[in-house]
N, C-alpha and C. Protein backbone atom coordinates (compact mmCIF):
# COMPACT_ATOMS: atom_id res chain seq x y z
N MET A 1 -58.31 65.27 -121.24
CA MET A 1 -58.35 66.07 -122.44
C MET A 1 -58.80 67.47 -122.06
N ILE A 2 -58.16 68.46 -122.67
CA ILE A 2 -58.48 69.85 -122.38
C ILE A 2 -59.46 70.41 -123.41
N ASP A 3 -59.19 70.16 -124.69
CA ASP A 3 -60.04 70.71 -125.74
C ASP A 3 -59.91 69.85 -126.99
N ARG A 4 -60.85 70.05 -127.93
CA ARG A 4 -60.83 69.28 -129.18
C ARG A 4 -61.23 70.18 -130.33
N ARG A 5 -60.58 70.00 -131.48
CA ARG A 5 -60.95 70.70 -132.70
C ARG A 5 -60.74 69.73 -133.85
N ASP A 6 -61.81 69.48 -134.58
CA ASP A 6 -61.79 68.53 -135.69
C ASP A 6 -61.29 67.18 -135.18
N ASN A 7 -60.20 66.66 -135.76
CA ASN A 7 -59.66 65.36 -135.37
C ASN A 7 -58.49 65.47 -134.39
N PHE A 8 -58.29 66.65 -133.82
CA PHE A 8 -57.16 66.87 -132.92
C PHE A 8 -57.64 67.23 -131.52
N MET A 9 -56.83 66.85 -130.51
CA MET A 9 -57.15 67.15 -129.12
C MET A 9 -55.91 67.71 -128.43
N LEU A 10 -56.15 68.63 -127.50
CA LEU A 10 -55.09 69.13 -126.64
C LEU A 10 -55.23 68.41 -125.31
N VAL A 11 -54.15 67.79 -124.87
CA VAL A 11 -54.19 67.02 -123.63
C VAL A 11 -53.02 67.41 -122.73
N THR A 12 -53.15 67.05 -121.48
CA THR A 12 -52.05 67.21 -120.53
C THR A 12 -51.90 65.89 -119.78
N GLY A 13 -50.70 65.62 -119.33
CA GLY A 13 -50.46 64.37 -118.62
C GLY A 13 -48.99 64.21 -118.29
N ALA A 14 -48.65 63.01 -117.89
CA ALA A 14 -47.26 62.69 -117.52
C ALA A 14 -46.37 62.73 -118.76
N ARG A 15 -45.24 63.40 -118.64
CA ARG A 15 -44.33 63.56 -119.78
C ARG A 15 -43.90 62.24 -120.40
N GLU A 16 -43.70 61.22 -119.57
CA GLU A 16 -43.23 59.94 -120.10
C GLU A 16 -44.27 59.26 -120.98
N SER A 17 -45.54 59.58 -120.81
CA SER A 17 -46.61 59.01 -121.65
C SER A 17 -46.77 59.78 -122.94
N LEU A 18 -46.43 61.06 -122.91
CA LEU A 18 -46.66 61.93 -124.05
C LEU A 18 -45.43 62.00 -124.95
N THR A 19 -45.12 60.90 -125.58
CA THR A 19 -44.01 60.87 -126.52
C THR A 19 -44.56 60.79 -127.93
N LYS A 20 -43.89 61.45 -128.86
CA LYS A 20 -44.37 61.52 -130.23
C LYS A 20 -44.59 60.13 -130.80
N LYS A 21 -45.70 59.95 -131.50
CA LYS A 21 -46.15 58.72 -132.15
C LYS A 21 -46.67 57.66 -131.19
N ASN A 22 -46.67 57.95 -129.88
CA ASN A 22 -47.25 57.02 -128.91
C ASN A 22 -48.76 56.98 -129.15
N GLN A 23 -49.37 55.80 -129.05
CA GLN A 23 -50.80 55.67 -129.25
C GLN A 23 -51.49 55.31 -127.94
N GLY A 24 -52.75 55.76 -127.80
CA GLY A 24 -53.50 55.49 -126.58
C GLY A 24 -54.98 55.30 -126.87
N LEU A 25 -55.70 54.89 -125.84
CA LEU A 25 -57.15 54.67 -125.93
C LEU A 25 -57.88 55.78 -125.19
N VAL A 26 -58.88 56.36 -125.86
CA VAL A 26 -59.76 57.32 -125.20
C VAL A 26 -60.82 56.50 -124.49
N LEU A 27 -60.97 56.70 -123.20
CA LEU A 27 -61.90 55.91 -122.40
C LEU A 27 -63.28 56.56 -122.35
N ARG A 28 -64.28 55.82 -122.76
CA ARG A 28 -65.66 56.30 -122.83
C ARG A 28 -66.19 56.64 -121.43
N ASP A 29 -66.95 57.73 -121.34
CA ASP A 29 -67.59 58.15 -120.08
C ASP A 29 -66.60 58.21 -118.91
N SER A 30 -65.44 58.82 -119.14
CA SER A 30 -64.41 58.85 -118.10
C SER A 30 -64.18 60.24 -117.52
N SER A 31 -64.93 61.25 -117.97
CA SER A 31 -64.66 62.61 -117.49
C SER A 31 -64.93 62.78 -115.99
N HIS A 32 -65.79 61.95 -115.42
CA HIS A 32 -66.08 62.05 -113.98
C HIS A 32 -65.05 61.32 -113.12
N LEU A 33 -64.19 60.52 -113.71
CA LEU A 33 -63.21 59.75 -112.94
C LEU A 33 -62.03 60.62 -112.54
N MET A 34 -61.59 60.50 -111.31
CA MET A 34 -60.39 61.21 -110.87
C MET A 34 -59.14 60.45 -111.30
N THR A 35 -59.18 59.14 -111.18
CA THR A 35 -58.09 58.28 -111.62
C THR A 35 -58.67 57.08 -112.35
N ILE A 36 -57.82 56.41 -113.08
CA ILE A 36 -58.25 55.21 -113.81
C ILE A 36 -57.74 54.00 -113.05
N GLN A 37 -58.61 53.37 -112.31
CA GLN A 37 -58.23 52.18 -111.54
C GLN A 37 -58.56 50.91 -112.30
N ASP A 38 -59.68 50.93 -112.99
CA ASP A 38 -60.20 49.74 -113.67
C ASP A 38 -59.91 49.83 -115.16
N ARG A 39 -59.10 48.94 -115.68
CA ARG A 39 -58.74 48.96 -117.09
C ARG A 39 -59.80 48.34 -117.99
N THR A 40 -60.99 48.03 -117.45
CA THR A 40 -62.04 47.44 -118.27
C THR A 40 -62.99 48.50 -118.83
N THR A 41 -62.72 49.78 -118.58
CA THR A 41 -63.54 50.85 -119.11
C THR A 41 -63.51 50.77 -120.64
N PRO A 42 -64.68 50.80 -121.30
CA PRO A 42 -64.70 50.67 -122.76
C PRO A 42 -64.03 51.84 -123.46
N ALA A 43 -63.38 51.56 -124.56
CA ALA A 43 -62.69 52.58 -125.34
C ALA A 43 -63.64 53.26 -126.31
N ALA A 44 -63.46 54.57 -126.48
CA ALA A 44 -64.25 55.34 -127.43
C ALA A 44 -63.46 55.62 -128.69
N GLY A 45 -62.14 55.40 -128.65
CA GLY A 45 -61.32 55.68 -129.82
C GLY A 45 -59.86 55.42 -129.56
N ILE A 46 -59.09 55.51 -130.63
CA ILE A 46 -57.63 55.36 -130.57
C ILE A 46 -57.02 56.65 -131.09
N VAL A 47 -55.99 57.13 -130.38
CA VAL A 47 -55.34 58.39 -130.72
C VAL A 47 -53.83 58.19 -130.84
N GLU A 48 -53.19 59.17 -131.50
CA GLU A 48 -51.74 59.15 -131.64
C GLU A 48 -51.20 60.54 -131.33
N VAL A 49 -50.10 60.61 -130.57
CA VAL A 49 -49.47 61.87 -130.22
C VAL A 49 -48.79 62.45 -131.45
N VAL A 50 -49.12 63.72 -131.76
CA VAL A 50 -48.57 64.40 -132.93
C VAL A 50 -47.42 65.34 -132.54
N SER A 51 -47.62 66.14 -131.49
CA SER A 51 -46.57 67.03 -131.03
C SER A 51 -46.64 67.17 -129.52
N VAL A 52 -45.49 67.49 -128.91
CA VAL A 52 -45.39 67.53 -127.45
C VAL A 52 -44.58 68.75 -127.03
N TRP A 53 -45.01 69.40 -125.95
CA TRP A 53 -44.19 70.40 -125.28
C TRP A 53 -44.52 70.36 -123.81
N ASP A 54 -43.47 70.28 -123.00
CA ASP A 54 -43.60 70.11 -121.55
C ASP A 54 -44.55 68.94 -121.26
N ASN A 55 -45.60 69.17 -120.48
CA ASN A 55 -46.53 68.08 -120.20
C ASN A 55 -47.86 68.26 -120.95
N PHE A 56 -47.79 68.92 -122.11
CA PHE A 56 -48.93 69.09 -123.00
C PHE A 56 -48.64 68.41 -124.33
N ALA A 57 -49.69 67.97 -125.01
CA ALA A 57 -49.52 67.34 -126.31
C ALA A 57 -50.75 67.57 -127.18
N VAL A 58 -50.51 67.56 -128.48
CA VAL A 58 -51.61 67.54 -129.45
C VAL A 58 -51.67 66.12 -129.96
N ILE A 59 -52.86 65.53 -129.90
CA ILE A 59 -53.03 64.17 -130.38
C ILE A 59 -54.09 64.15 -131.48
N ARG A 60 -53.97 63.18 -132.37
CA ARG A 60 -54.88 63.03 -133.50
C ARG A 60 -55.71 61.78 -133.30
N VAL A 61 -57.01 61.90 -133.55
CA VAL A 61 -57.90 60.75 -133.45
C VAL A 61 -57.70 59.88 -134.68
N ILE A 62 -57.37 58.60 -134.47
CA ILE A 62 -57.17 57.65 -135.57
C ILE A 62 -58.45 56.86 -135.81
N ILE A 63 -59.04 56.35 -134.73
CA ILE A 63 -60.27 55.55 -134.81
C ILE A 63 -61.25 56.08 -133.77
N GLY A 64 -62.51 56.21 -134.15
CA GLY A 64 -63.55 56.60 -133.20
C GLY A 64 -63.98 58.04 -133.30
N LYS A 65 -63.76 58.66 -134.46
CA LYS A 65 -64.13 60.07 -134.62
C LYS A 65 -65.61 60.32 -134.34
N SER A 66 -66.48 59.46 -134.86
CA SER A 66 -67.92 59.68 -134.66
C SER A 66 -68.31 59.43 -133.21
N SER A 67 -67.69 58.47 -132.56
CA SER A 67 -67.98 58.18 -131.15
C SER A 67 -67.58 59.35 -130.27
N LEU A 68 -66.43 59.96 -130.56
CA LEU A 68 -65.97 61.10 -129.77
C LEU A 68 -66.80 62.34 -130.05
N ALA A 69 -67.28 62.49 -131.27
CA ALA A 69 -68.12 63.64 -131.61
C ALA A 69 -69.42 63.62 -130.81
N LYS A 70 -69.93 62.43 -130.51
CA LYS A 70 -71.17 62.28 -129.74
C LYS A 70 -70.96 62.48 -128.25
N SER A 71 -69.70 62.51 -127.81
CA SER A 71 -69.41 62.57 -126.38
C SER A 71 -69.66 63.95 -125.77
N GLY A 72 -69.98 64.94 -126.59
CA GLY A 72 -70.27 66.27 -126.06
C GLY A 72 -69.02 66.98 -125.61
N ASN A 73 -69.02 67.49 -124.39
CA ASN A 73 -67.88 68.23 -123.87
C ASN A 73 -66.70 67.30 -123.63
N PRO A 74 -65.57 67.53 -124.31
CA PRO A 74 -64.43 66.63 -124.17
C PRO A 74 -63.62 66.85 -122.91
N ALA A 75 -63.82 67.97 -122.23
CA ALA A 75 -62.99 68.28 -121.07
C ALA A 75 -63.07 67.17 -120.03
N GLY A 76 -61.93 66.68 -119.63
CA GLY A 76 -61.87 65.66 -118.59
C GLY A 76 -61.87 64.23 -119.06
N LEU A 77 -62.14 63.97 -120.34
CA LEU A 77 -62.05 62.58 -120.83
C LEU A 77 -60.64 62.07 -120.59
N LYS A 78 -60.52 60.81 -120.22
CA LYS A 78 -59.22 60.21 -119.93
C LYS A 78 -58.71 59.43 -121.13
N ILE A 79 -57.40 59.47 -121.32
CA ILE A 79 -56.74 58.72 -122.38
C ILE A 79 -55.69 57.84 -121.72
N ALA A 80 -55.76 56.55 -121.99
CA ALA A 80 -54.82 55.60 -121.40
C ALA A 80 -53.72 55.30 -122.40
N PHE A 81 -52.49 55.62 -122.03
CA PHE A 81 -51.32 55.30 -122.85
C PHE A 81 -50.62 54.10 -122.23
N PRO A 82 -49.97 53.27 -123.05
CA PRO A 82 -49.27 52.12 -122.50
C PRO A 82 -48.14 52.57 -121.57
N ARG A 83 -47.96 51.81 -120.51
CA ARG A 83 -46.88 52.11 -119.58
C ARG A 83 -45.58 51.51 -120.09
N LYS A 84 -44.50 52.23 -119.84
CA LYS A 84 -43.19 51.70 -120.19
C LYS A 84 -42.79 50.67 -119.15
N THR A 85 -42.32 49.53 -119.63
CA THR A 85 -41.84 48.50 -118.73
C THR A 85 -40.43 48.11 -119.13
N LYS A 86 -39.81 47.25 -118.34
CA LYS A 86 -38.46 46.80 -118.65
C LYS A 86 -38.44 46.05 -120.00
N ASN A 87 -39.47 45.25 -120.27
CA ASN A 87 -39.53 44.49 -121.51
C ASN A 87 -40.06 45.31 -122.69
N ASN A 88 -40.73 46.44 -122.41
CA ASN A 88 -41.31 47.28 -123.44
C ASN A 88 -40.91 48.73 -123.18
N PRO A 89 -39.65 49.13 -123.52
CA PRO A 89 -39.17 50.44 -123.19
C PRO A 89 -39.82 51.56 -124.00
N GLU A 90 -40.47 51.27 -125.10
CA GLU A 90 -41.04 52.29 -125.96
C GLU A 90 -42.52 52.42 -125.78
């Protein structure tokens, strides 16, 4: 995550993950992580992609607004989006 204002966040990431209406989990205490290896990291909230351009997106917090507000500086928080698979193309 790059920045946050109210219930919206500016993020950057892989283009295939940043598709409109895609939902993801904001991972608690993840700003120090370089990569996400362990999928057991607790979630701080659920977000949905609102708009996309290149490899940037604006996402809206759906669940966990108060938890994210307590997280302080949002820079570097990781958001896990579902991976596209052969059985789940969307």
